[in-house]
Every structure is written in structure tokens, then in C-alpha cells.
PDB file of N, CA and C in Angstrom:
ATOM      1  N   MET A   1    -183.190 141.203   2.688  1.00  0.00           N
ATOM      2  CA  MET A   1    -183.110 140.498   3.952  1.00  0.00           C
ATOM      3  C   MET A   1    -184.111 139.349   3.917  1.00  0.00           C
ATOM      4  N   ASP A   2    -183.627 138.149   4.227  1.00  0.00           N
ATOM      5  CA  ASP A   2    -184.482 136.964   4.305  1.00  0.00           C
ATOM      6  C   ASP A   2    -184.504 136.455   5.738  1.00  0.00           C
ATOM      7  N   LEU A   3    -185.682 136.145   6.233  1.00  0.00           N
ATOM      8  CA  LEU A   3    -185.854 135.610   7.582  1.00  0.00           C
ATOM      9  C   LEU A   3    -186.722 134.366   7.519  1.00  0.00           C
ATOM     10  N   GLU A   4    -186.463 133.438   8.414  1.00  0.00           N
ATOM     11  CA  GLU A   4    -187.299 132.243   8.544  1.00  0.00           C
ATOM     12  C   GLU A   4    -187.488 131.953  10.021  1.00  0.00           C
ATOM     13  N   PHE A   5    -188.721 131.672  10.400  1.00  0.00           N
ATOM     14  CA  PHE A   5    -189.037 131.371  11.797  1.00  0.00           C
ATOM     15  C   PHE A   5    -190.307 130.539  11.855  1.00  0.00           C
ATOM     16  N   ALA A   6    -190.554 129.941  13.009  1.00  0.00           N
ATOM     17  CA  ALA A   6    -191.777 129.169  13.234  1.00  0.00           C
ATOM     18  C   ALA A   6    -192.627 129.907  14.261  1.00  0.00           C
ATOM     19  N   GLY A   7    -193.923 129.789  14.114  1.00  0.00           N
ATOM     20  CA  GLY A   7    -194.841 130.418  15.054  1.00  0.00           C
ATOM     21  C   GLY A   7    -196.220 129.801  14.964  1.00  0.00           C
ATOM     22  N   GLU A   8    -197.026 130.125  15.961  1.00  0.00           N
ATOM     23  CA  GLU A   8    -198.387 129.601  16.058  1.00  0.00           C
ATOM     24  C   GLU A   8    -199.385 130.611  15.498  1.00  0.00           C
ATOM     25  N   ILE A   9    -200.352 130.111  14.761  1.00  0.00           N
ATOM     26  CA  ILE A   9    -201.406 130.967  14.207  1.00  0.00           C
ATOM     27  C   ILE A   9    -202.375 131.348  15.319  1.00  0.00           C
ATOM     28  N   TRP A  10    -202.689 132.646  15.393  1.00  0.00           N
ATOM     29  CA  TRP A  10    -203.665 133.121  16.374  1.00  0.00           C
ATOM     30  C   TRP A  10    -204.669 134.039  15.679  1.00  0.00           C
ATOM     31  N   PHE A  11    -205.811 134.209  16.316  1.00  0.00           N
ATOM     32  CA  PHE A  11    -206.942 134.946  15.746  1.00  0.00           C
ATOM     33  C   PHE A  11    -207.188 136.217  16.533  1.00  0.00           C
ATOM     34  N   TRP A  12    -207.391 137.313  15.825  1.00  0.00           N
ATOM     35  CA  TRP A  12    -207.782 138.580  16.434  1.00  0.00           C
ATOM     36  C   TRP A  12    -209.190 138.893  15.971  1.00  0.00           C
ATOM     37  N   LYS A  13    -210.095 139.001  16.939  1.00  0.00           N
ATOM     38  CA  LYS A  13    -211.520 139.133  16.634  1.00  0.00           C
ATOM     39  C   LYS A  13    -211.950 140.570  16.364  1.00  0.00           C
ATOM     40  N   GLY A  14    -211.092 141.548  16.544  1.00  0.00           N
ATOM     41  CA  GLY A  14    -211.435 142.963  16.417  1.00  0.00           C
ATOM     42  C   GLY A  14    -212.449 143.302  15.345  1.00  0.00           C
ATOM     43  N   PRO A  15    -212.616 144.574  15.043  1.00  0.00           N
ATOM     44  CA  PRO A  15    -213.615 144.999  14.055  1.00  0.00           C
ATOM     45  C   PRO A  15    -213.352 144.407  12.668  1.00  0.00           C
ATOM     46  N   SER A  16    -212.098 144.113  12.376  1.00  0.00           N
ATOM     47  CA  SER A  16    -211.748 143.433  11.135  1.00  0.00           C
ATOM     48  C   SER A  16    -211.020 142.145  11.521  1.00  0.00           C
ATOM     49  N   PRO A  17    -211.758 141.042  11.698  1.00  0.00           N
ATOM     50  CA  PRO A  17    -211.127 139.808  12.169  1.00  0.00           C
ATOM     51  C   PRO A  17    -210.021 139.342  11.229  1.00  0.00           C
ATOM     52  N   TYR A  18    -208.961 138.826  11.796  1.00  0.00           N
ATOM     53  CA  TYR A  18    -207.818 138.379  11.000  1.00  0.00           C
ATOM     54  C   TYR A  18    -207.017 137.346  11.767  1.00  0.00           C
ATOM     55  N   HIS A  19    -206.230 136.566  11.037  1.00  0.00           N
ATOM     56  CA  HIS A  19    -205.326 135.573  11.616  1.00  0.00           C
ATOM     57  C   HIS A  19    -203.894 136.063  11.446  1.00  0.00           C
ATOM     58  N   PHE A  20    -203.050 135.760  12.426  1.00  0.00           N
ATOM     59  CA  PHE A  20    -201.676 136.247  12.426  1.00  0.00           C
ATOM     60  C   PHE A  20    -200.722 135.175  12.922  1.00  0.00           C
ATOM     61  N   VAL A  21    -199.433 135.397  12.641  1.00  0.00           N
ATOM     62  CA  VAL A  21    -198.326 134.697  13.279  1.00  0.00           C
ATOM     63  C   VAL A  21    -197.405 135.790  13.797  1.00  0.00           C
ATOM     64  N   SER A  22    -197.033 135.721  15.069  1.00  0.00           N
ATOM     65  CA  SER A  22    -196.137 136.720  15.652  1.00  0.00           C
ATOM     66  C   SER A  22    -194.700 136.436  15.242  1.00  0.00           C
ATOM     67  N   VAL A  23    -193.968 137.494  14.922  1.00  0.00           N
ATOM     68  CA  VAL A  23    -192.552 137.382  14.598  1.00  0.00           C
ATOM     69  C   VAL A  23    -191.781 137.301  15.919  1.00  0.00           C
ATOM     70  N   PRO A  24    -190.885 136.311  16.082  1.00  0.00           N
ATOM     71  CA  PRO A  24    -190.110 136.203  17.316  1.00  0.00           C
ATOM     72  C   PRO A  24    -189.222 137.431  17.555  1.00  0.00           C
ATOM     73  N   GLU A  25    -188.877 137.648  18.813  1.00  0.00           N
ATOM     74  CA  GLU A  25    -188.139 138.841  19.227  1.00  0.00           C
ATOM     75  C   GLU A  25    -186.832 139.036  18.461  1.00  0.00           C
ATOM     76  N   ASP A  26    -186.042 137.985  18.290  1.00  0.00           N
ATOM     77  CA  ASP A  26    -184.755 138.129  17.594  1.00  0.00           C
ATOM     78  C   ASP A  26    -184.936 138.644  16.168  1.00  0.00           C
ATOM     79  N   GLU A  27    -185.923 138.128  15.472  1.00  0.00           N
ATOM     80  CA  GLU A  27    -186.183 138.571  14.106  1.00  0.00           C
ATOM     81  C   GLU A  27    -186.737 140.000  14.096  1.00  0.00           C
ATOM     82  N   CYS A  28    -187.474 140.383  15.141  1.00  0.00           N
ATOM     83  CA  CYS A  28    -187.996 141.752  15.227  1.00  0.00           C
ATOM     84  C   CYS A  28    -186.859 142.760  15.321  1.00  0.00           C
ATOM     85  N   VAL A  29    -185.785 142.388  16.014  1.00  0.00           N
ATOM     86  CA  VAL A  29    -184.620 143.272  16.118  1.00  0.00           C
ATOM     87  C   VAL A  29    -184.049 143.524  14.724  1.00  0.00           C
ATOM     88  N   GLU A  30    -183.910 142.475  13.930  1.00  0.00           N
ATOM     89  CA  GLU A  30    -183.408 142.627  12.562  1.00  0.00           C
ATOM     90  C   GLU A  30    -184.353 143.481  11.722  1.00  0.00           C
ATOM     91  N   LEU A  31    -185.652 143.266  11.889  1.00  0.00           N
ATOM     92  CA  LEU A  31    -186.638 144.036  11.128  1.00  0.00           C
ATOM     93  C   LEU A  31    -186.606 145.509  11.503  1.00  0.00           C
ATOM     94  N   GLU A  32    -186.398 145.815  12.770  1.00  0.00           N
ATOM     95  CA  GLU A  32    -186.326 147.207  13.218  1.00  0.00           C
ATOM     96  C   GLU A  32    -185.215 147.950  12.490  1.00  0.00           C
ATOM     97  N   GLU A  33    -184.090 147.269  12.264  1.00  0.00           N
ATOM     98  CA  GLU A  33    -182.967 147.894  11.577  1.00  0.00           C
ATOM     99  C   GLU A  33    -183.316 148.241  10.133  1.00  0.00           C
ATOM    100  N   ALA A  34    -184.146 147.424   9.511  1.00  0.00           N
ATOM    101  CA  ALA A  34    -184.533 147.662   8.119  1.00  0.00           C
ATOM    102  C   ALA A  34    -185.759 148.567   7.998  1.00  0.00           C
ATOM    103  N   ALA A  35    -186.518 148.707   9.064  1.00  0.00           N
ATOM    104  CA  ALA A  35    -187.804 149.412   9.000  1.00  0.00           C
ATOM    105  C   ALA A  35    -187.674 150.836   8.474  1.00  0.00           C
ATOM    106  N   ALA A  36    -186.663 151.552   8.908  1.00  0.00           N
ATOM    107  CA  ALA A  36    -186.516 152.946   8.481  1.00  0.00           C
ATOM    108  C   ALA A  36    -186.314 153.060   6.972  1.00  0.00           C
ATOM    109  N   LEU A  37    -185.765 152.020   6.367  1.00  0.00           N
ATOM    110  CA  LEU A  37    -185.495 152.042   4.927  1.00  0.00           C
ATOM    111  C   LEU A  37    -186.703 151.648   4.088  1.00  0.00           C
ATOM    112  N   VAL A  38    -187.626 150.871   4.667  1.00  0.00           N
ATOM    113  CA  VAL A  38    -188.702 150.307   3.846  1.00  0.00           C
ATOM    114  C   VAL A  38    -190.115 150.631   4.322  1.00  0.00           C
ATOM    115  N   SER A  39    -190.281 151.085   5.554  1.00  0.00           N
ATOM    116  CA  SER A  39    -191.620 151.321   6.094  1.00  0.00           C
ATOM    117  C   SER A  39    -192.317 152.439   5.334  1.00  0.00           C
ATOM    118  N   TYR A  40    -193.607 152.259   5.090  1.00  0.00           N
ATOM    119  CA  TYR A  40    -194.360 153.279   4.358  1.00  0.00           C
ATOM    120  C   TYR A  40    -195.404 153.962   5.216  1.00  0.00           C
ATOM    121  N   GLY A  41    -195.316 153.829   6.509  1.00  0.00           N
ATOM    122  CA  GLY A  41    -196.246 154.517   7.403  1.00  0.00           C
ATOM    123  C   GLY A  41    -196.767 153.600   8.479  1.00  0.00           C
ATOM    124  N   TRP A  42    -197.006 154.130   9.644  1.00  0.00           N
ATOM    125  CA  TRP A  42    -197.502 153.407  10.815  1.00  0.00           C
ATOM    126  C   TRP A  42    -196.612 152.233  11.190  1.00  0.00           C
ATOM    127  N   GLY A  43    -195.379 152.224  10.696  1.00  0.00           N
ATOM    128  CA  GLY A  43    -194.463 151.140  11.009  1.00  0.00           C
ATOM    129  C   GLY A  43    -194.685 149.882  10.197  1.00  0.00           C
ATOM    130  N   MET A  44    -195.552 149.935   9.216  1.00  0.00           N
ATOM    131  CA  MET A  44    -195.811 148.777   8.360  1.00  0.00           C
ATOM    132  C   MET A  44    -194.587 148.495   7.493  1.00  0.00           C
ATOM    133  N   ILE A  45    -194.235 147.200   7.360  1.00  0.00           N
ATOM    134  CA  ILE A  45    -193.076 146.802   6.559  1.00  0.00           C
ATOM    135  C   ILE A  45    -193.546 145.882   5.438  1.00  0.00           C
ATOM    136  N   PRO A  46    -193.396 146.308   4.165  1.00  0.00           N
ATOM    137  CA  PRO A  46    -193.814 145.445   3.055  1.00  0.00           C
ATOM    138  C   PRO A  46    -192.889 144.230   2.947  1.00  0.00           C
ATOM    139  N   VAL A  47    -193.485 143.054   2.751  1.00  0.00           N
ATOM    140  CA  VAL A  47    -192.720 141.808   2.682  1.00  0.00           C
ATOM    141  C   VAL A  47    -193.332 140.857   1.665  1.00  0.00           C
ATOM    142  N   ALA A  48    -192.501 139.935   1.197  1.00  0.00           N
ATOM    143  CA  ALA A  48    -192.966 138.759   0.478  1.00  0.00           C
ATOM    144  C   ALA A  48    -192.919 137.627   1.494  1.00  0.00           C
ATOM    145  N   VAL A  49    -193.978 136.828   1.550  1.00  0.00           N
ATOM    146  CA  VAL A  49    -194.104 135.784   2.568  1.00  0.00           C
ATOM    147  C   VAL A  49    -194.352 134.444   1.889  1.00  0.00           C
ATOM    148  N   ARG A  50    -193.839 133.383   2.507  1.00  0.00           N
ATOM    149  CA  ARG A  50    -194.144 132.031   2.053  1.00  0.00           C
ATOM    150  C   ARG A  50    -194.416 131.173   3.277  1.00  0.00           C
ATOM    151  N   VAL A  51    -195.542 130.467   3.231  1.00  0.00           N
ATOM    152  CA  VAL A  51    -195.890 129.444   4.223  1.00  0.00           C
ATOM    153  C   VAL A  51    -196.221 128.194   3.423  1.00  0.00           C
ATOM    154  N   GLY A  52    -195.462 127.132   3.642  1.00  0.00           N
ATOM    155  CA  GLY A  52    -195.653 125.925   2.847  1.00  0.00           C
ATOM    156  C   GLY A  52    -195.392 126.226   1.392  1.00  0.00           C
ATOM    157  N   GLY A  53    -196.308 125.847   0.522  1.00  0.00           N
ATOM    158  CA  GLY A  53    -196.162 126.090  -0.908  1.00  0.00           C
ATOM    159  C   GLY A  53    -196.823 127.358  -1.382  1.00  0.00           C
ATOM    160  N   THR A  54    -197.336 128.168  -0.461  1.00  0.00           N
ATOM    161  CA  THR A  54    -198.085 129.370  -0.838  1.00  0.00           C
ATOM    162  C   THR A  54    -197.278 130.625  -0.526  1.00  0.00           C
ATOM    163  N   GLY A  55    -197.140 131.479  -1.528  1.00  0.00           N
ATOM    164  CA  GLY A  55    -196.454 132.752  -1.355  1.00  0.00           C
ATOM    165  C   GLY A  55    -197.387 133.909  -1.663  1.00  0.00           C
ATOM    166  N   TRP A  56    -197.150 135.054  -1.040  1.00  0.00           N
ATOM    167  CA  TRP A  56    -197.955 136.249  -1.269  1.00  0.00           C
ATOM    168  C   TRP A  56    -197.196 137.468  -0.767  1.00  0.00           C
ATOM    169  N   THR A  57    -197.690 138.635  -1.092  1.00  0.00           N
ATOM    170  CA  THR A  57    -197.125 139.870  -0.562  1.00  0.00           C
ATOM    171  C   THR A  57    -198.105 140.471   0.422  1.00  0.00           C
ATOM    172  N   THR A  58    -197.560 141.096   1.447  1.00  0.00           N
ATOM    173  CA  THR A  58    -198.363 141.733   2.480  1.00  0.00           C
ATOM    174  C   THR A  58    -197.467 142.726   3.206  1.00  0.00           C
ATOM    175  N   SER A  59    -197.898 143.182   4.338  1.00  0.00           N
ATOM    176  CA  SER A  59    -197.079 144.041   5.186  1.00  0.00           C
ATOM    177  C   SER A  59    -197.131 143.527   6.609  1.00  0.00           C
ATOM    178  N   LEU A  60    -195.986 143.562   7.282  1.00  0.00           N
ATOM    179  CA  LEU A  60    -195.946 143.239   8.703  1.00  0.00           C
ATOM    180  C   LEU A  60    -196.595 144.374   9.457  1.00  0.00           C
ATOM    181  N   TRP A  61    -197.372 144.037  10.467  1.00  0.00           N
ATOM    182  CA  TRP A  61    -198.030 145.031  11.295  1.00  0.00           C
ATOM    183  C   TRP A  61    -197.277 145.153  12.606  1.00  0.00           C
ATOM    184  N   PRO A  62    -197.002 146.387  13.049  1.00  0.00           N
ATOM    185  CA  PRO A  62    -196.395 146.527  14.369  1.00  0.00           C
ATOM    186  C   PRO A  62    -197.414 146.199  15.454  1.00  0.00           C
ATOM    187  N   LYS A  63    -196.976 145.470  16.495  1.00  0.00           N
ATOM    188  CA  LYS A  63    -197.873 145.133  17.602  1.00  0.00           C
ATOM    189  C   LYS A  63    -197.048 144.873  18.854  1.00  0.00           C
ATOM    190  N   ASP A  64    -197.360 145.601  19.917  1.00  0.00           N
ATOM    191  CA  ASP A  64    -196.737 145.406  21.227  1.00  0.00           C
ATOM    192  C   ASP A  64    -195.214 145.384  21.162  1.00  0.00           C
ATOM    193  N   GLY A  65    -194.628 146.288  20.394  1.00  0.00           N
ATOM    194  CA  GLY A  65    -193.181 146.381  20.298  1.00  0.00           C
ATOM    195  C   GLY A  65    -192.550 145.389  19.347  1.00  0.00           C
ATOM    196  N   GLY A  66    -193.350 144.579  18.675  1.00  0.00           N
ATOM    197  CA  GLY A  66    -192.848 143.609  17.706  1.00  0.00           C
ATOM    198  C   GLY A  66    -193.623 143.728  16.413  1.00  0.00           C
ATOM    199  N   TYR A  67    -193.687 142.632  15.673  1.00  0.00           N
ATOM    200  CA  TYR A  67    -194.417 142.600  14.405  1.00  0.00           C
ATOM    201  C   TYR A  67    -195.227 141.324  14.315  1.00  0.00           C
ATOM    202  N   VAL A  68    -196.305 141.379  13.533  1.00  0.00           N
ATOM    203  CA  VAL A  68    -197.113 140.197  13.246  1.00  0.00           C
ATOM    204  C   VAL A  68    -197.303 140.083  11.744  1.00  0.00           C
ATOM    205  N   VAL A  69    -197.407 138.827  11.286  1.00  0.00           N
ATOM    206  CA  VAL A  69    -197.624 138.530   9.869  1.00  0.00           C
ATOM    207  C   VAL A  69    -199.101 138.198   9.685  1.00  0.00           C
ATOM    208  N   PRO A  70    -199.827 138.985   8.895  1.00  0.00           N
ATOM    209  CA  PRO A  70    -201.224 138.643   8.634  1.00  0.00           C
ATOM    210  C   PRO A  70    -201.323 137.471   7.655  1.00  0.00           C
ATOM    211  N   LEU A  71    -202.200 136.520   7.968  1.00  0.00           N
ATOM    212  CA  LEU A  71    -202.428 135.360   7.100  1.00  0.00           C
ATOM    213  C   LEU A  71    -203.792 135.481   6.440  1.00  0.00           C
ATOM    214  N   LYS A  72    -203.794 135.626   5.142  1.00  0.00           N
ATOM    215  CA  LYS A  72    -205.044 135.719   4.398  1.00  0.00           C
ATOM    216  C   LYS A  72    -205.811 134.407   4.492  1.00  0.00           C
ATOM    217  N   ASP A  73    -207.136 134.492   4.429  1.00  0.00           N
ATOM    218  CA  ASP A  73    -207.966 133.283   4.442  1.00  0.00           C
ATOM    219  C   ASP A  73    -207.595 132.348   3.292  1.00  0.00           C
ATOM    220  N   ALA A  74    -207.295 132.909   2.126  1.00  0.00           N
ATOM    221  CA  ALA A  74    -206.943 132.085   0.966  1.00  0.00           C
ATOM    222  C   ALA A  74    -205.684 131.265   1.243  1.00  0.00           C
ATOM    223  N   VAL A  75    -204.744 131.832   1.967  1.00  0.00           N
ATOM    224  CA  VAL A  75    -203.509 131.115   2.316  1.00  0.00           C
ATOM    225  C   VAL A  75    -203.833 129.991   3.298  1.00  0.00           C
ATOM    226  N   ARG A  76    -204.619 130.310   4.308  1.00  0.00           N
ATOM    227  CA  ARG A  76    -204.971 129.285   5.304  1.00  0.00           C
ATOM    228  C   ARG A  76    -205.732 128.134   4.660  1.00  0.00           C
ATOM    229  N   ARG A  77    -206.649 128.454   3.732  1.00  0.00           N
ATOM    230  CA  ARG A  77    -207.395 127.391   3.046  1.00  0.00           C
ATOM    231  C   ARG A  77    -206.463 126.549   2.179  1.00  0.00           C
ATOM    232  N   ALA A  78    -205.590 127.207   1.408  1.00  0.00           N
ATOM    233  CA  ALA A  78    -204.689 126.486   0.506  1.00  0.00           C
ATOM    234  C   ALA A  78    -203.753 125.553   1.273  1.00  0.00           C
ATOM    235  N   GLU A  79    -203.336 125.966   2.462  1.00  0.00           N
ATOM    236  CA  GLU A  79    -202.394 125.175   3.257  1.00  0.00           C
ATOM    237  C   GLU A  79    -203.091 124.347   4.345  1.00  0.00           C
ATOM    238  N   GLN A  80    -204.430 124.433   4.400  1.00  0.00           N
ATOM    239  CA  GLN A  80    -205.234 123.702   5.398  1.00  0.00           C
ATOM    240  C   GLN A  80    -204.751 124.008   6.826  1.00  0.00           C
ATOM    241  N   LEU A  81    -204.711 125.293   7.140  1.00  0.00           N
ATOM    242  CA  LEU A  81    -204.223 125.759   8.443  1.00  0.00           C
ATOM    243  C   LEU A  81    -205.345 126.380   9.252  1.00  0.00           C
ATOM    244  N   ASP A  82    -205.201 126.309  10.585  1.00  0.00           N
ATOM    245  CA  ASP A  82    -206.193 126.894  11.484  1.00  0.00           C
ATOM    246  C   ASP A  82    -205.502 127.425  12.735  1.00  0.00           C
ATOM    247  N   VAL A  83    -206.262 128.088  13.556  1.00  0.00           N
ATOM    248  CA  VAL A  83    -205.767 128.642  14.820  1.00  0.00           C
ATOM    249  C   VAL A  83    -205.057 127.550  15.616  1.00  0.00           C
ATOM    250  N   GLY A  84    -203.894 127.901  16.154  1.00  0.00           N
ATOM    251  CA  GLY A  84    -203.138 126.962  16.969  1.00  0.00           C
ATOM    252  C   GLY A  84    -202.127 126.139  16.196  1.00  0.00           C
ATOM    253  N   ASP A  85    -202.262 126.082  14.861  1.00  0.00           N
ATOM    254  CA  ASP A  85    -201.284 125.347  14.061  1.00  0.00           C
ATOM    255  C   ASP A  85    -199.952 126.088  14.094  1.00  0.00           C
ATOM    256  N   ARG A  86    -198.865 125.325  14.131  1.00  0.00           N
ATOM    257  CA  ARG A  86    -197.515 125.895  14.098  1.00  0.00           C
ATOM    258  C   ARG A  86    -197.020 125.825  12.663  1.00  0.00           C
ATOM    259  N   VAL A  87    -196.539 126.959  12.153  1.00  0.00           N
ATOM    260  CA  VAL A  87    -196.098 127.054  10.763  1.00  0.00           C
ATOM    261  C   VAL A  87    -194.694 127.634  10.683  1.00  0.00           C
ATOM    262  N   THR A  88    -194.014 127.318   9.591  1.00  0.00           N
ATOM    263  CA  THR A  88    -192.743 127.963   9.276  1.00  0.00           C
ATOM    264  C   THR A  88    -193.030 129.096   8.303  1.00  0.00           C
ATOM    265  N   VAL A  89    -192.556 130.276   8.659  1.00  0.00           N
ATOM    266  CA  VAL A  89    -192.794 131.481   7.859  1.00  0.00           C
ATOM    267  C   VAL A  89    -191.464 131.933   7.260  1.00  0.00           C
ATOM    268  N   ARG A  90    -191.464 132.185   5.969  1.00  0.00           N
ATOM    269  CA  ARG A  90    -190.294 132.737   5.301  1.00  0.00           C
ATOM    270  C   ARG A  90    -190.652 134.133   4.831  1.00  0.00           C
ATOM    271  N   LEU A  91    -189.839 135.115   5.239  1.00  0.00           N
ATOM    272  CA  LEU A  91    -190.084 136.522   4.886  1.00  0.00           C
ATOM    273  C   LEU A  91    -188.934 137.041   4.035  1.00  0.00           C
ATOM    274  N   ARG A  92    -189.256 137.892   3.082  1.00  0.00           N
ATOM    275  CA  ARG A  92    -188.251 138.620   2.320  1.00  0.00           C
ATOM    276  C   ARG A  92    -188.602 140.095   2.393  1.00  0.00           C
ATOM    277  N   VAL A  93    -187.646 140.879   2.871  1.00  0.00           N
ATOM    278  CA  VAL A  93    -187.777 142.336   2.923  1.00  0.00           C
ATOM    279  C   VAL A  93    -186.770 142.888   1.936  1.00  0.00           C
ATOM    280  N   ASP A  94    -187.221 143.655   0.966  1.00  0.00           N
ATOM    281  CA  ASP A  94    -186.302 144.250  -0.011  1.00  0.00           C
ATOM    282  C   ASP A  94    -185.769 145.567   0.532  1.00  0.00           C
ATOM    283  N   VAL A  95    -184.497 145.534   0.934  1.00  0.00           N
ATOM    284  CA  VAL A  95    -183.841 146.755   1.451  1.00  0.00           C
ATOM    285  C   VAL A  95    -182.768 147.212   0.484  1.00  0.00           C
TER     286      VAL A  95
END
């Protein structure tokens, strides 16, 4: 399953600070259908992600009935991205 969407980068200051992009509702519906086949616990979904010219593997995190894509600092530095920037995210879920 391949998905593409745009979203704004936001920061979560919690005990382990991280940057995220929220997956839009329509794409979350598609992900829910695949989750039972690929999730490895706590609703995490392993994915391959691409933002700009940078690709990496990670897992989508469930949040507030949807999912968020964690953005590593190395990705943000490579793509010169910061909080509030709007990015196009390409996801691949192997089902």
C-alpha cells in the first residue's frame, strides 16, 4: 500500500521530544484496514517513508484515533525542515 499526503510538522515536547506529521483522516482509514496485517504491537505500523529526497524506515504511532509520522532530526536537517513547515509525505506499507 502506497500513500501520499501533505501535512505540517509539529513538535511534541514530552519526555522524549520529537517532531511529527499527522496522517490525514482519509489515509488513516486505509491504514486501519492494513493495521491488523502489519502491526507489531501498540498499534504501531512499520512503514518506509520519503520526504523530499530523504527516505527512511520507521513506524507510524497511533494518536487520538489516527496516526502520526515521526520525523528524525537527521531527516529534518537533510531537508532543511522545521516546525510549521508543510511537507509531502510518501508512505509504503508492505501488506
